[in-house]
Amino acid sequence: MRLFFALPLPPALATALAAHAASLAGEYGGRPVPAVNLHLTLLFLGDLAATDLPALLAAASQAAQAWPRLDLQFGPLAVWPHQRLLWAGLQPAVPKLAEFSAMLRSTVERAGFSVPEAGRPFVPHLTLVRKLTRLPEFLPPLQLPAWGATRFELLQSTRTASGAIYRPLGAWPAP
């Protein structure tokens, strides 16, 4: 099972971002991420055995006790040229989100799981377009309302010929 923890978006915000992603893909090529797949990744876990799921869910439940309700605002758009990804970042930076991601990683590691991205800094981002064919020189910031991140989820990613399908395996609301 390919797993990761993420923040789901409110449906109206996901729809608006998906429309913006489609517009950007029209301008720069690539594959826009559909509304149903838009999320902000907290922690990527990679491939785990189904038998690991109960221990992982228990670790997430422990971490959820420290989950703060956060108000987030997407702002700058950016590109990772080596991955050909166009993504949206948060504006302003949200230290509590980075702290929670680090605490979630520590809790998962203490439960016996290795985290593939353990050495990388946390960069909160929302992928909008994959496989860009042209790299933009300038991207204006997004003009969208702030949103309340009231829960996080454990998602399973299944790759298909038409793209990934995400299925929630657990959700933890803010206490």
Protein backbone atom coordinates (compact mmCIF):
# COMPACT_ATOMS: atom_id res chain seq x y z
CA MET A 1 0.00 0.00 0.00
CA ARG A 2 1.40 3.40 -1.02
CA LEU A 3 0.48 5.74 1.84
CA PHE A 4 0.73 9.36 2.91
CA PHE A 5 -0.80 11.80 5.38
CA ALA A 6 -2.44 14.89 3.92
CA LEU A 7 -4.77 17.79 4.50
CA PRO A 8 -7.94 17.54 2.40
CA LEU A 9 -9.32 20.70 0.83
CA PRO A 10 -12.88 21.99 1.12
CA PRO A 11 -14.77 21.01 -2.07
CA ALA A 12 -15.33 24.59 -3.28
CA LEU A 13 -11.63 25.42 -2.90
CA ALA A 14 -10.61 22.18 -4.64
CA THR A 15 -12.94 22.99 -7.54
CA ALA A 16 -11.51 26.52 -7.89
CA LEU A 17 -7.93 25.23 -7.75
CA ALA A 18 -8.67 22.47 -10.28
CA ALA A 19 -10.06 25.07 -12.71
CA HIS A 20 -6.93 27.18 -12.21
CA ALA A 21 -4.76 24.08 -12.73
CA ALA A 22 -6.58 23.31 -16.00
CA SER A 23 -5.96 26.88 -17.17
CA LEU A 24 -2.26 26.65 -16.28
CA ALA A 25 -1.96 23.28 -18.05
CA GLY A 26 -3.55 24.86 -21.11
CA GLU A 27 -0.88 27.54 -21.07
CA TYR A 28 2.18 25.47 -20.13
CA GLY A 29 1.21 21.95 -21.11
CA GLY A 30 1.12 19.08 -18.71
CA ARG A 31 -1.57 17.23 -16.79
CA PRO A 32 -3.70 19.21 -14.32
CA VAL A 33 -4.49 17.51 -11.02
CA PRO A 34 -8.25 16.89 -10.76
CA ALA A 35 -10.19 18.43 -7.86
CA VAL A 36 -10.74 15.04 -6.21
CA ASN A 37 -6.95 14.53 -5.91
CA LEU A 38 -5.95 17.96 -4.61
CA HIS A 39 -4.42 17.83 -1.13
CA LEU A 40 -1.54 19.24 0.89
CA THR A 41 0.85 16.45 1.86
CA LEU A 42 1.94 16.33 5.49
CA LEU A 43 4.07 13.20 5.38
CA PHE A 44 4.81 10.72 2.59
CA LEU A 45 5.30 7.15 3.83
CA GLY A 46 5.74 5.18 0.62
CA ASP A 47 4.93 1.50 0.28
CA LEU A 48 3.87 -0.33 3.43
CA ALA A 49 2.31 -3.73 4.03
CA ALA A 50 -1.40 -3.87 4.79
CA THR A 51 -0.50 -5.59 8.06
CA ASP A 52 1.22 -2.35 9.15
CA LEU A 53 -2.01 -0.37 8.95
CA PRO A 54 -3.26 -0.90 12.56
CA ALA A 55 0.03 0.31 14.07
CA LEU A 56 0.14 3.27 11.69
CA LEU A 57 -3.44 4.25 12.52
CA ALA A 58 -2.62 4.04 16.23
CA ALA A 59 0.43 6.29 15.75
CA ALA A 60 -1.69 8.80 13.84
CA SER A 61 -4.30 8.78 16.60
CA GLN A 62 -1.57 9.58 19.10
CA ALA A 63 -0.25 12.42 16.95
CA ALA A 64 -3.78 13.75 16.39
CA GLN A 65 -3.92 14.87 20.01
CA ALA A 66 -1.55 17.70 19.02
CA TRP A 67 -3.29 18.55 15.72
CA PRO A 68 -4.05 22.28 15.71
CA ARG A 69 -6.85 23.74 13.65
CA LEU A 70 -5.07 25.96 11.14
CA ASP A 71 -6.16 28.71 8.80
CA LEU A 72 -4.14 28.43 5.60
CA GLN A 73 -3.78 30.65 2.56
CA PHE A 74 -2.40 29.55 -0.79
CA GLY A 75 -0.28 32.26 -2.34
CA PRO A 76 2.83 31.83 -4.43
CA LEU A 77 2.93 29.51 -7.41
CA ALA A 78 6.24 27.82 -8.14
CA VAL A 79 7.81 25.15 -10.33
CA TRP A 80 10.13 22.29 -9.54
CA PRO A 81 11.84 22.09 -12.95
CA HIS A 82 13.54 18.72 -12.35
CA GLN A 83 10.15 17.13 -11.60
CA ARG A 84 8.21 19.27 -14.12
CA LEU A 85 5.68 20.15 -11.40
CA LEU A 86 3.78 23.39 -10.91
CA TRP A 87 2.65 23.87 -7.33
CA ALA A 88 1.08 26.34 -4.91
CA GLY A 89 2.74 27.25 -1.64
CA LEU A 90 1.34 28.82 1.49
CA GLN A 91 1.45 32.52 2.27
CA PRO A 92 2.51 33.39 4.88
CA ALA A 93 4.60 30.52 6.20
CA VAL A 94 2.80 28.45 8.85
CA PRO A 95 5.30 27.27 11.48
CA LYS A 96 2.62 25.26 13.33
CA LEU A 97 2.05 23.17 10.20
CA ALA A 98 5.77 22.39 9.89
CA GLU A 99 5.90 21.57 13.61
CA PHE A 100 2.95 19.21 13.31
CA SER A 101 4.47 17.49 10.27
CA ALA A 102 7.72 16.96 12.21
CA MET A 103 5.86 15.64 15.25
CA LEU A 104 3.78 13.31 13.05
CA ARG A 105 7.01 12.02 11.45
CA SER A 106 8.58 11.44 14.89
CA THR A 107 5.50 9.62 16.16
CA VAL A 108 5.40 7.38 13.09
CA GLU A 109 9.14 6.66 13.38
CA ARG A 110 8.81 5.81 17.10
CA ALA A 111 6.10 3.33 16.09
CA GLY A 112 8.73 1.55 13.98
CA PHE A 113 8.15 2.99 10.51
CA SER A 114 10.87 4.50 8.36
CA VAL A 115 10.02 7.69 6.52
CA PRO A 116 11.61 8.07 3.07
CA GLU A 117 11.74 11.89 3.27
CA ALA A 118 13.09 12.04 6.85
CA GLY A 119 16.14 14.11 5.86
CA ARG A 120 14.31 16.64 3.70
CA PRO A 121 12.85 19.87 4.96
CA PHE A 122 9.06 20.09 4.98
CA VAL A 123 7.83 22.22 2.07
CA PRO A 124 4.06 22.57 2.28
CA HIS A 125 2.74 22.53 -1.25
CA LEU A 126 -0.21 21.62 -3.41
CA THR A 127 0.65 20.08 -6.77
CA LEU A 128 -1.49 21.65 -9.50
CA VAL A 129 0.09 20.47 -12.79
CA ARG A 130 2.32 17.46 -13.49
CA LYS A 131 4.58 16.85 -16.49
CA LEU A 132 4.85 20.48 -17.63
CA THR A 133 5.95 20.77 -21.25
CA ARG A 134 7.02 24.43 -20.92
CA LEU A 135 8.44 26.09 -17.82
CA PRO A 136 6.84 29.44 -16.97
CA GLU A 137 9.07 32.43 -16.36
CA PHE A 138 6.59 34.29 -14.15
CA LEU A 139 3.62 33.04 -12.17
CA PRO A 140 1.24 35.44 -10.41
CA PRO A 141 0.15 34.54 -6.86
CA LEU A 142 -3.17 32.85 -6.33
CA GLN A 143 -6.07 35.04 -5.22
CA LEU A 144 -8.13 32.59 -3.17
CA PRO A 145 -9.72 32.82 0.27
CA ALA A 146 -8.07 31.29 3.32
CA TRP A 147 -9.35 27.90 4.41
CA GLY A 148 -9.53 26.11 7.71
CA ALA A 149 -7.63 22.85 7.87
CA THR A 150 -9.74 21.07 10.45
CA ARG A 151 -8.49 17.51 9.98
CA PHE A 152 -5.77 15.38 8.44
CA GLU A 153 -6.14 12.05 6.68
CA LEU A 154 -4.17 8.91 5.86
CA LEU A 155 -4.54 8.29 2.13
CA GLN A 156 -3.75 5.28 -0.01
CA SER A 157 -2.53 6.07 -3.51
CA THR A 158 -3.21 3.57 -6.29
CA ARG A 159 -1.57 4.26 -9.63
CA THR A 160 -3.65 3.74 -12.75
CA ALA A 161 -3.10 4.49 -16.44
CA SER A 162 -5.22 7.65 -16.09
CA GLY A 163 -3.48 8.86 -12.91
CA ALA A 164 -3.55 8.17 -9.20
CA ILE A 165 -6.66 7.33 -7.22
CA TYR A 166 -6.62 8.34 -3.54
CA ARG A 167 -8.65 6.52 -0.91
CA PRO A 168 -8.88 7.72 2.70
CA LEU A 169 -8.03 5.07 5.29
CA GLY A 170 -8.37 7.25 8.37
CA ALA A 171 -9.19 10.83 9.36
CA TRP A 172 -8.43 12.82 12.50
CA PRO A 173 -10.22 16.09 13.26
CA ALA A 174 -8.75 18.89 15.33
CA PRO A 175 -9.43 18.19 19.03
